[in-house]
Amino acid sequence: MSRTPQLHGLRFAFGTLTVLPVRVTRWDREAARGGMVCAPLAGVVVGVLAGLLGAALLLLGAGPLTAAVAAAAVPAALTRGLHLDGLADTADGLGSGKPAEDALRIMKQSDIGPFGVVTLVLVLLAQVAALARAYDASWTRGLLAAVVSAAAARLALTLAARTGVPAARPEGLGAAVAGVVPVGAALAVGLAVTAAAAGGGALFGPYGAVRTAASVVLAVAAAELLLRHCVRRFGGVTGDVFGGLAETAATTALVVLTLG
């Protein structure tokens, strides 16, 4: 059982997308395929941990804003800030206006430029504001928002790793997972995550089901727009682009969940 492809895929997903103590035992295309298919499951775990911390603080009287900050901090901590770093680097690469080779070189630099800083500030403010709105309604809505946004963020990675999306560089995480997921499998995972989100939202009535499903759909739509732009600009995806896609999807989902 320990050698089944499914288990290797789970190990890959949790070992590369979180800091949880999971050892990646295989680093090949088959394991990467399973890992990217399982990516939303890693998101659910991250989202549950984030949402429960925010809920605990809210129930202890800390207030919705403090709960929201905590819930936004957990995904950053559980990914070592890699998704946020990727978002900033992608913003710097796109904002530079330089040819692909030069833009990719800018993205590899260790410092963060002005485009990256502004993007990080605005995205984190949007996430905290949306989570605060959810926790202000109830701890259960805050928990749902954290879980749905984290799952949508990792679903964006599954879809970005589909067949036909090239890697911008021959090395790195982007190259390891680019094009590993068959299109049919990616769509099936997308439908499953959307249905599960709708089921969670249904706990708050029919409109809740529609809103949570819409948050996932619009989240991956926003990530898809960014993905296509990055492929045009950079010639493909990189690890930084994957991070930017995840944060874009998470933020979009959270904002949609505040509507209505």
C-alpha atoms as a PDB file:
ATOM      1  CA  MET A   1       0.000   0.000   0.000  1.00  0.00           C
ATOM      2  CA  SER A   2       2.846   2.396   0.796  1.00  0.00           C
ATOM      3  CA  ARG A   3       3.998   2.167  -2.827  1.00  0.00           C
ATOM      4  CA  THR A   4       0.692   2.958  -4.508  1.00  0.00           C
ATOM      5  CA  PRO A   5       0.662   5.891  -6.964  1.00  0.00           C
ATOM      6  CA  GLN A   6      -2.137   7.539  -4.971  1.00  0.00           C
ATOM      7  CA  LEU A   7      -0.047   7.657  -1.819  1.00  0.00           C
ATOM      8  CA  HIS A   8       2.958   8.995  -3.690  1.00  0.00           C
ATOM      9  CA  GLY A   9       0.696  11.677  -5.138  1.00  0.00           C
ATOM     10  CA  LEU A  10      -0.546  12.666  -1.697  1.00  0.00           C
ATOM     11  CA  ARG A  11       3.014  12.788  -0.416  1.00  0.00           C
ATOM     12  CA  PHE A  12       4.000  14.983  -3.341  1.00  0.00           C
ATOM     13  CA  ALA A  13       1.068  17.343  -2.787  1.00  0.00           C
ATOM     14  CA  PHE A  14       1.582  17.801   0.951  1.00  0.00           C
ATOM     15  CA  GLY A  15       5.370  17.634   0.795  1.00  0.00           C
ATOM     16  CA  THR A  16       5.748  20.328  -1.872  1.00  0.00           C
ATOM     17  CA  LEU A  17       2.740  22.559  -1.179  1.00  0.00           C
ATOM     18  CA  THR A  18       2.916  22.671   2.633  1.00  0.00           C
ATOM     19  CA  VAL A  19       5.490  22.552   5.433  1.00  0.00           C
ATOM     20  CA  LEU A  20       3.661  19.684   7.099  1.00  0.00           C
ATOM     21  CA  PRO A  21       6.097  16.845   7.955  1.00  0.00           C
ATOM     22  CA  VAL A  22       5.418  14.708   4.883  1.00  0.00           C
ATOM     23  CA  ARG A  23       8.417  13.223   3.081  1.00  0.00           C
ATOM     24  CA  VAL A  24       8.306  13.145  -0.714  1.00  0.00           C
ATOM     25  CA  THR A  25       9.489   9.659  -1.654  1.00  0.00           C
ATOM     26  CA  ARG A  26       9.270  10.046  -5.421  1.00  0.00           C
ATOM     27  CA  TRP A  27      10.063  13.038  -7.612  1.00  0.00           C
ATOM     28  CA  ASP A  28       9.002  12.002 -11.089  1.00  0.00           C
ATOM     29  CA  ARG A  29       6.258  12.895 -13.549  1.00  0.00           C
ATOM     30  CA  GLU A  30       3.861  10.243 -12.266  1.00  0.00           C
ATOM     31  CA  ALA A  31       4.198  11.419  -8.672  1.00  0.00           C
ATOM     32  CA  ALA A  32       3.898  15.032  -9.821  1.00  0.00           C
ATOM     33  CA  ARG A  33       0.697  14.166 -11.694  1.00  0.00           C
ATOM     34  CA  GLY A  34      -0.830  12.592  -8.618  1.00  0.00           C
ATOM     35  CA  GLY A  35       0.376  15.457  -6.473  1.00  0.00           C
ATOM     36  CA  MET A  36      -1.188  18.151  -8.609  1.00  0.00           C
ATOM     37  CA  VAL A  37      -4.449  16.208  -8.821  1.00  0.00           C
ATOM     38  CA  CYS A  38      -4.441  16.005  -5.005  1.00  0.00           C
ATOM     39  CA  ALA A  39      -3.444  19.659  -4.552  1.00  0.00           C
ATOM     40  CA  PRO A  40      -6.955  20.810  -3.488  1.00  0.00           C
ATOM     41  CA  LEU A  41      -6.868  18.260  -0.650  1.00  0.00           C
ATOM     42  CA  ALA A  42      -3.763  19.973   0.692  1.00  0.00           C
ATOM     43  CA  GLY A  43      -5.684  23.221   0.389  1.00  0.00           C
ATOM     44  CA  VAL A  44      -8.558  21.850   2.438  1.00  0.00           C
ATOM     45  CA  VAL A  45      -6.183  20.894   5.262  1.00  0.00           C
ATOM     46  CA  VAL A  46      -4.517  24.311   5.177  1.00  0.00           C
ATOM     47  CA  GLY A  47      -7.901  26.023   5.085  1.00  0.00           C
ATOM     48  CA  VAL A  48      -9.278  24.020   8.004  1.00  0.00           C
ATOM     49  CA  LEU A  49      -6.252  24.852  10.158  1.00  0.00           C
ATOM     50  CA  ALA A  50      -6.497  28.523   9.210  1.00  0.00           C
ATOM     51  CA  GLY A  51     -10.242  28.709   9.719  1.00  0.00           C
ATOM     52  CA  LEU A  52     -10.165  26.946  13.078  1.00  0.00           C
ATOM     53  CA  LEU A  53      -7.474  29.263  14.432  1.00  0.00           C
ATOM     54  CA  GLY A  54      -9.507  32.275  13.382  1.00  0.00           C
ATOM     55  CA  ALA A  55     -12.651  30.733  14.870  1.00  0.00           C
ATOM     56  CA  ALA A  56     -10.894  29.986  18.151  1.00  0.00           C
ATOM     57  CA  LEU A  57      -9.681  33.558  18.473  1.00  0.00           C
ATOM     58  CA  LEU A  58     -13.130  34.878  17.624  1.00  0.00           C
ATOM     59  CA  LEU A  59     -14.778  32.686  20.245  1.00  0.00           C
ATOM     60  CA  LEU A  60     -12.184  33.843  22.778  1.00  0.00           C
ATOM     61  CA  GLY A  61     -13.269  37.426  22.157  1.00  0.00           C
ATOM     62  CA  ALA A  62     -10.406  38.636  19.964  1.00  0.00           C
ATOM     63  CA  GLY A  63     -12.765  40.137  17.371  1.00  0.00           C
ATOM     64  CA  PRO A  64     -13.255  39.475  13.652  1.00  0.00           C
ATOM     65  CA  LEU A  65     -10.260  41.519  12.497  1.00  0.00           C
ATOM     66  CA  THR A  66      -7.786  39.635  14.680  1.00  0.00           C
ATOM     67  CA  ALA A  67      -9.396  36.351  13.642  1.00  0.00           C
ATOM     68  CA  ALA A  68      -9.030  37.358  10.004  1.00  0.00           C
ATOM     69  CA  VAL A  69      -5.355  38.260  10.370  1.00  0.00           C
ATOM     70  CA  ALA A  70      -4.670  34.890  11.991  1.00  0.00           C
ATOM     71  CA  ALA A  71      -6.588  33.018   9.311  1.00  0.00           C
ATOM     72  CA  ALA A  72      -4.654  34.840   6.580  1.00  0.00           C
ATOM     73  CA  ALA A  73      -1.337  34.184   8.306  1.00  0.00           C
ATOM     74  CA  VAL A  74      -1.727  30.414   8.579  1.00  0.00           C
ATOM     75  CA  PRO A  75      -1.600  29.656   4.819  1.00  0.00           C
ATOM     76  CA  ALA A  76       1.463  31.882   4.526  1.00  0.00           C
ATOM     77  CA  ALA A  77       3.156  30.056   7.394  1.00  0.00           C
ATOM     78  CA  LEU A  78       2.209  26.603   6.108  1.00  0.00           C
ATOM     79  CA  THR A  79       3.741  27.366   2.706  1.00  0.00           C
ATOM     80  CA  ARG A  80       6.815  29.202   4.056  1.00  0.00           C
ATOM     81  CA  GLY A  81       5.428  32.244   2.255  1.00  0.00           C
ATOM     82  CA  LEU A  82       6.296  30.684  -1.107  1.00  0.00           C
ATOM     83  CA  HIS A  83       2.976  31.529  -2.736  1.00  0.00           C
ATOM     84  CA  LEU A  84       3.185  35.133  -1.592  1.00  0.00           C
ATOM     85  CA  ASP A  85       6.811  35.302  -2.729  1.00  0.00           C
ATOM     86  CA  GLY A  86       5.765  33.868  -6.080  1.00  0.00           C
ATOM     87  CA  LEU A  87       3.009  36.455  -6.384  1.00  0.00           C
ATOM     88  CA  ALA A  88       5.459  39.278  -5.708  1.00  0.00           C
ATOM     89  CA  ASP A  89       8.049  37.918  -8.147  1.00  0.00           C
ATOM     90  CA  THR A  90       5.406  37.425 -10.836  1.00  0.00           C
ATOM     91  CA  ALA A  91       4.188  40.992 -10.343  1.00  0.00           C
ATOM     92  CA  ASP A  92       7.759  42.279 -10.676  1.00  0.00           C
ATOM     93  CA  GLY A  93       8.318  40.223 -13.827  1.00  0.00           C
ATOM     94  CA  LEU A  94       5.102  41.357 -15.455  1.00  0.00           C
ATOM     95  CA  GLY A  95       5.504  44.937 -14.299  1.00  0.00           C
ATOM     96  CA  SER A  96       9.022  45.225 -15.672  1.00  0.00           C
ATOM     97  CA  GLY A  97       7.757  45.282 -19.241  1.00  0.00           C
ATOM     98  CA  LYS A  98      10.974  43.558 -20.323  1.00  0.00           C
ATOM     99  CA  PRO A  99      11.356  40.616 -22.733  1.00  0.00           C
ATOM    100  CA  ALA A 100      10.753  37.137 -21.357  1.00  0.00           C
ATOM    101  CA  GLU A 101      14.392  36.292 -20.633  1.00  0.00           C
ATOM    102  CA  ASP A 102      14.995  39.528 -18.739  1.00  0.00           C
ATOM    103  CA  ALA A 103      11.675  39.273 -16.894  1.00  0.00           C
ATOM    104  CA  LEU A 104      12.480  35.726 -15.769  1.00  0.00           C
ATOM    105  CA  ARG A 105      15.868  36.908 -14.524  1.00  0.00           C
ATOM    106  CA  ILE A 106      14.150  39.640 -12.497  1.00  0.00           C
ATOM    107  CA  MET A 107      11.809  37.057 -10.993  1.00  0.00           C
ATOM    108  CA  LYS A 108      14.751  34.911  -9.853  1.00  0.00           C
ATOM    109  CA  GLN A 109      16.358  37.759  -7.901  1.00  0.00           C
ATOM    110  CA  SER A 110      16.052  37.548  -4.130  1.00  0.00           C
ATOM    111  CA  ASP A 111      14.813  41.094  -3.621  1.00  0.00           C
ATOM    112  CA  ILE A 112      11.259  42.353  -4.173  1.00  0.00           C
ATOM    113  CA  GLY A 113      10.627  45.343  -6.401  1.00  0.00           C
ATOM    114  CA  PRO A 114       7.944  48.033  -6.157  1.00  0.00           C
ATOM    115  CA  PHE A 115       5.384  46.106  -8.210  1.00  0.00           C
ATOM    116  CA  GLY A 116       5.792  43.117  -5.926  1.00  0.00           C
ATOM    117  CA  VAL A 117       5.478  45.168  -2.747  1.00  0.00           C
ATOM    118  CA  VAL A 118       2.320  46.957  -3.882  1.00  0.00           C
ATOM    119  CA  THR A 119       0.757  43.707  -5.064  1.00  0.00           C
ATOM    120  CA  LEU A 120       1.520  41.938  -1.780  1.00  0.00           C
ATOM    121  CA  VAL A 121       0.068  44.768   0.298  1.00  0.00           C
ATOM    122  CA  LEU A 122      -3.135  45.004  -1.714  1.00  0.00           C
ATOM    123  CA  VAL A 123      -3.679  41.233  -1.849  1.00  0.00           C
ATOM    124  CA  LEU A 124      -3.134  40.738   1.873  1.00  0.00           C
ATOM    125  CA  LEU A 125      -5.387  43.685   2.690  1.00  0.00           C
ATOM    126  CA  ALA A 126      -8.107  42.225   0.470  1.00  0.00           C
ATOM    127  CA  GLN A 127      -7.779  38.796   2.078  1.00  0.00           C
ATOM    128  CA  VAL A 128      -7.908  40.150   5.627  1.00  0.00           C
ATOM    129  CA  ALA A 129     -10.827  42.455   4.832  1.00  0.00           C
ATOM    130  CA  ALA A 130     -12.820  39.620   3.269  1.00  0.00           C
ATOM    131  CA  LEU A 131     -12.079  37.201   6.108  1.00  0.00           C
ATOM    132  CA  ALA A 132     -13.003  39.855   8.670  1.00  0.00           C
ATOM    133  CA  ARG A 133     -16.356  40.271   6.943  1.00  0.00           C
ATOM    134  CA  ALA A 134     -16.898  36.511   7.090  1.00  0.00           C
ATOM    135  CA  TYR A 135     -15.908  36.186  10.745  1.00  0.00           C
ATOM    136  CA  ASP A 136     -18.051  39.191  11.612  1.00  0.00           C
ATOM    137  CA  ALA A 137     -21.048  37.174  10.402  1.00  0.00           C
ATOM    138  CA  SER A 138     -20.118  34.019  12.346  1.00  0.00           C
ATOM    139  CA  TRP A 139     -17.196  31.733  13.065  1.00  0.00           C
ATOM    140  CA  THR A 140     -18.708  29.106  10.775  1.00  0.00           C
ATOM    141  CA  ARG A 141     -18.778  31.501   7.833  1.00  0.00           C
ATOM    142  CA  GLY A 142     -15.184  32.449   8.565  1.00  0.00           C
ATOM    143  CA  LEU A 143     -14.180  28.802   8.630  1.00  0.00           C
ATOM    144  CA  LEU A 144     -15.999  28.126   5.351  1.00  0.00           C
ATOM    145  CA  ALA A 145     -14.326  31.109   3.686  1.00  0.00           C
ATOM    146  CA  ALA A 146     -10.885  29.957   4.778  1.00  0.00           C
ATOM    147  CA  VAL A 147     -11.442  26.405   3.534  1.00  0.00           C
ATOM    148  CA  VAL A 148     -13.047  27.345   0.214  1.00  0.00           C
ATOM    149  CA  SER A 149     -10.401  29.933  -0.631  1.00  0.00           C
ATOM    150  CA  ALA A 150      -7.527  27.582   0.201  1.00  0.00           C
ATOM    151  CA  ALA A 151      -9.045  24.763  -1.858  1.00  0.00           C
ATOM    152  CA  ALA A 152      -9.689  27.128  -4.778  1.00  0.00           C
ATOM    153  CA  ALA A 153      -6.086  28.319  -4.590  1.00  0.00           C
ATOM    154  CA  ARG A 154      -4.762  24.766  -4.991  1.00  0.00           C
ATOM    155  CA  LEU A 155      -7.357  23.959  -7.648  1.00  0.00           C
ATOM    156  CA  ALA A 156      -5.833  26.770  -9.688  1.00  0.00           C
ATOM    157  CA  LEU A 157      -2.526  24.883  -9.489  1.00  0.00           C
ATOM    158  CA  THR A 158      -4.159  21.665 -10.687  1.00  0.00           C
ATOM    159  CA  LEU A 159      -5.632  23.436 -13.691  1.00  0.00           C
ATOM    160  CA  ALA A 160      -2.377  25.267 -14.451  1.00  0.00           C
ATOM    161  CA  ALA A 161      -0.508  21.934 -14.490  1.00  0.00           C
ATOM    162  CA  ARG A 162      -2.731  20.561 -17.253  1.00  0.00           C
ATOM    163  CA  THR A 163      -1.443  19.172 -20.499  1.00  0.00           C
ATOM    164  CA  GLY A 164      -0.592  21.877 -23.022  1.00  0.00           C
ATOM    165  CA  VAL A 165       0.703  24.484 -20.565  1.00  0.00           C
ATOM    166  CA  PRO A 166       4.495  24.696 -21.073  1.00  0.00           C
ATOM    167  CA  ALA A 167       7.240  25.461 -18.584  1.00  0.00           C
ATOM    168  CA  ALA A 168       9.125  28.736 -18.993  1.00  0.00           C
ATOM    169  CA  ARG A 169      12.371  27.203 -17.705  1.00  0.00           C
ATOM    170  CA  PRO A 170      13.818  23.687 -17.985  1.00  0.00           C
ATOM    171  CA  GLU A 171      14.384  23.501 -14.227  1.00  0.00           C
ATOM    172  CA  GLY A 172      12.512  24.188 -10.986  1.00  0.00           C
ATOM    173  CA  LEU A 173       9.120  23.230  -9.620  1.00  0.00           C
ATOM    174  CA  GLY A 174       7.340  24.784 -12.577  1.00  0.00           C
ATOM    175  CA  ALA A 175       9.140  22.475 -14.981  1.00  0.00           C
ATOM    176  CA  ALA A 176       8.542  19.478 -12.715  1.00  0.00           C
ATOM    177  CA  VAL A 177       4.755  19.839 -12.776  1.00  0.00           C
ATOM    178  CA  ALA A 178       4.049  21.651 -16.058  1.00  0.00           C
ATOM    179  CA  GLY A 179       1.750  19.639 -18.302  1.00  0.00           C
ATOM    180  CA  VAL A 180       1.505  16.590 -16.027  1.00  0.00           C
ATOM    181  CA  VAL A 181      -2.279  16.569 -15.478  1.00  0.00           C
ATOM    182  CA  PRO A 182      -4.521  15.390 -18.337  1.00  0.00           C
ATOM    183  CA  VAL A 183      -7.132  17.974 -19.239  1.00  0.00           C
ATOM    184  CA  GLY A 184      -9.988  15.607 -18.417  1.00  0.00           C
ATOM    185  CA  ALA A 185      -8.598  14.902 -14.956  1.00  0.00           C
ATOM    186  CA  ALA A 186      -8.083  18.608 -14.281  1.00  0.00           C
ATOM    187  CA  LEU A 187     -11.690  19.365 -15.253  1.00  0.00           C
ATOM    188  CA  ALA A 188     -12.958  16.491 -13.099  1.00  0.00           C
ATOM    189  CA  VAL A 189     -11.083  17.835 -10.077  1.00  0.00           C
ATOM    190  CA  GLY A 190     -12.477  21.283 -10.798  1.00  0.00           C
ATOM    191  CA  LEU A 191     -16.039  19.982 -10.857  1.00  0.00           C
ATOM    192  CA  ALA A 192     -15.479  18.005  -7.644  1.00  0.00           C
ATOM    193  CA  VAL A 193     -14.091  21.016  -5.767  1.00  0.00           C
ATOM    194  CA  THR A 194     -16.909  23.255  -7.019  1.00  0.00           C
ATOM    195  CA  ALA A 195     -19.543  20.717  -5.983  1.00  0.00           C
ATOM    196  CA  ALA A 196     -17.958  20.290  -2.562  1.00  0.00           C
ATOM    197  CA  ALA A 197     -17.851  24.051  -2.072  1.00  0.00           C
ATOM    198  CA  ALA A 198     -21.510  24.310  -3.036  1.00  0.00           C
ATOM    199  CA  GLY A 199     -22.302  21.596  -0.505  1.00  0.00           C
ATOM    200  CA  GLY A 200     -20.547  23.537   2.231  1.00  0.00           C
ATOM    201  CA  GLY A 201     -22.297  26.738   1.254  1.00  0.00           C
ATOM    202  CA  ALA A 202     -25.666  24.955   1.270  1.00  0.00           C
ATOM    203  CA  LEU A 203     -25.408  24.863   5.070  1.00  0.00           C
ATOM    204  CA  PHE A 204     -26.312  28.554   4.865  1.00  0.00           C
ATOM    205  CA  GLY A 205     -29.158  28.159   2.402  1.00  0.00           C
ATOM    206  CA  PRO A 206     -29.588  28.006  -1.380  1.00  0.00           C
ATOM    207  CA  TYR A 207     -27.889  31.351  -1.935  1.00  0.00           C
ATOM    208  CA  GLY A 208     -24.950  30.156   0.129  1.00  0.00           C
ATOM    209  CA  ALA A 209     -24.527  27.179  -2.190  1.00  0.00           C
ATOM    210  CA  VAL A 210     -24.629  29.370  -5.280  1.00  0.00           C
ATOM    211  CA  ARG A 211     -22.222  31.911  -3.810  1.00  0.00           C
ATOM    212  CA  THR A 212     -19.602  29.385  -2.732  1.00  0.00           C
ATOM    213  CA  ALA A 213     -19.766  27.585  -6.073  1.00  0.00           C
ATOM    214  CA  ALA A 214     -19.456  30.928  -7.856  1.00  0.00           C
ATOM    215  CA  SER A 215     -16.472  31.847  -5.697  1.00  0.00           C
ATOM    216  CA  VAL A 216     -14.601  28.769  -6.911  1.00  0.00           C
ATOM    217  CA  VAL A 217     -15.563  29.281 -10.552  1.00  0.00           C
ATOM    218  CA  LEU A 218     -14.582  32.952 -10.537  1.00  0.00           C
ATOM    219  CA  ALA A 219     -11.397  32.188  -8.601  1.00  0.00           C
ATOM    220  CA  VAL A 220     -10.129  29.748 -11.211  1.00  0.00           C
ATOM    221  CA  ALA A 221     -11.310  32.083 -13.985  1.00  0.00           C
ATOM    222  CA  ALA A 222      -9.178  34.900 -12.555  1.00  0.00           C
ATOM    223  CA  ALA A 223      -6.235  32.525 -12.194  1.00  0.00           C
ATOM    224  CA  GLU A 224      -6.721  31.342 -15.780  1.00  0.00           C
ATOM    225  CA  LEU A 225      -6.540  34.916 -17.065  1.00  0.00           C
ATOM    226  CA  LEU A 226      -3.283  35.432 -15.183  1.00  0.00           C
ATOM    227  CA  LEU A 227      -1.961  32.081 -16.404  1.00  0.00           C
ATOM    228  CA  ARG A 228      -2.596  32.913 -20.050  1.00  0.00           C
ATOM    229  CA  HIS A 229      -0.978  36.314 -19.647  1.00  0.00           C
ATOM    230  CA  CYS A 230       2.088  34.755 -18.018  1.00  0.00           C
ATOM    231  CA  VAL A 231       2.391  32.129 -20.758  1.00  0.00           C
ATOM    232  CA  ARG A 232       2.301  34.900 -23.363  1.00  0.00           C
ATOM    233  CA  ARG A 233       4.844  37.031 -21.499  1.00  0.00           C
ATOM    234  CA  PHE A 234       7.231  34.386 -20.160  1.00  0.00           C
ATOM    235  CA  GLY A 235       6.705  31.545 -22.594  1.00  0.00           C
ATOM    236  CA  GLY A 236       5.299  29.258 -19.910  1.00  0.00           C
ATOM    237  CA  VAL A 237       4.897  28.741 -16.179  1.00  0.00           C
ATOM    238  CA  THR A 238       7.402  28.827 -13.333  1.00  0.00           C
ATOM    239  CA  GLY A 239       7.194  28.095  -9.635  1.00  0.00           C
ATOM    240  CA  ASP A 240       6.660  31.801  -9.062  1.00  0.00           C
ATOM    241  CA  VAL A 241       3.760  31.849 -11.506  1.00  0.00           C
ATOM    242  CA  PHE A 242       2.150  28.942  -9.658  1.00  0.00           C
ATOM    243  CA  GLY A 243       2.416  30.933  -6.431  1.00  0.00           C
ATOM    244  CA  GLY A 244       0.860  33.960  -8.090  1.00  0.00           C
ATOM    245  CA  LEU A 245      -1.997  31.851  -9.423  1.00  0.00           C
ATOM    246  CA  ALA A 246      -2.710  30.409  -5.981  1.00  0.00           C
ATOM    247  CA  GLU A 247      -2.862  33.812  -4.298  1.00  0.00           C
ATOM    248  CA  THR A 248      -4.960  35.268  -7.111  1.00  0.00           C
ATOM    249  CA  ALA A 249      -7.487  32.462  -6.825  1.00  0.00           C
ATOM    250  CA  ALA A 250      -7.617  32.618  -3.019  1.00  0.00           C
ATOM    251  CA  THR A 251      -8.174  36.372  -3.008  1.00  0.00           C
ATOM    252  CA  THR A 252     -10.841  36.227  -5.700  1.00  0.00           C
ATOM    253  CA  ALA A 253     -12.720  33.493  -3.850  1.00  0.00           C
ATOM    254  CA  LEU A 254     -12.644  35.466  -0.604  1.00  0.00           C
ATOM    255  CA  VAL A 255     -13.892  38.647  -2.257  1.00  0.00           C
ATOM    256  CA  VAL A 256     -16.751  36.819  -3.974  1.00  0.00           C
ATOM    257  CA  LEU A 257     -17.762  35.257  -0.651  1.00  0.00           C
ATOM    258  CA  THR A 258     -18.242  38.751   0.815  1.00  0.00           C
ATOM    259  CA  LEU A 259     -20.795  39.730  -1.817  1.00  0.00           C
ATOM    260  CA  GLY A 260     -24.488  39.731  -1.046  1.00  0.00           C
END
